């Protein structure tokens, strides 16, 4: 099992018991929403550490993860 898969499984397992603060909030997937305007929501989320761990390993192809924006045209999260 890859590190990314293991991190994702830990995150999804935790989501079975705790809803992430970003759930059903479309701003986390919009490209025009700066990550810094959402980071306060991420910091308050009980799943922040698991989300950050996954995102740092996997570098998702889009969205805001643990207060950082990821996109298909960047290799690292940004605070835009």
Foldseek 3Di string as FASTA:
>chain_A
DDQLVVLVVVLVVVCVPFPWLCPPPCLQFDPPRFLLVCLVSLVPTPSLVSQVSNCVVPQDQAGATNSFTGHVPDRDTHRD
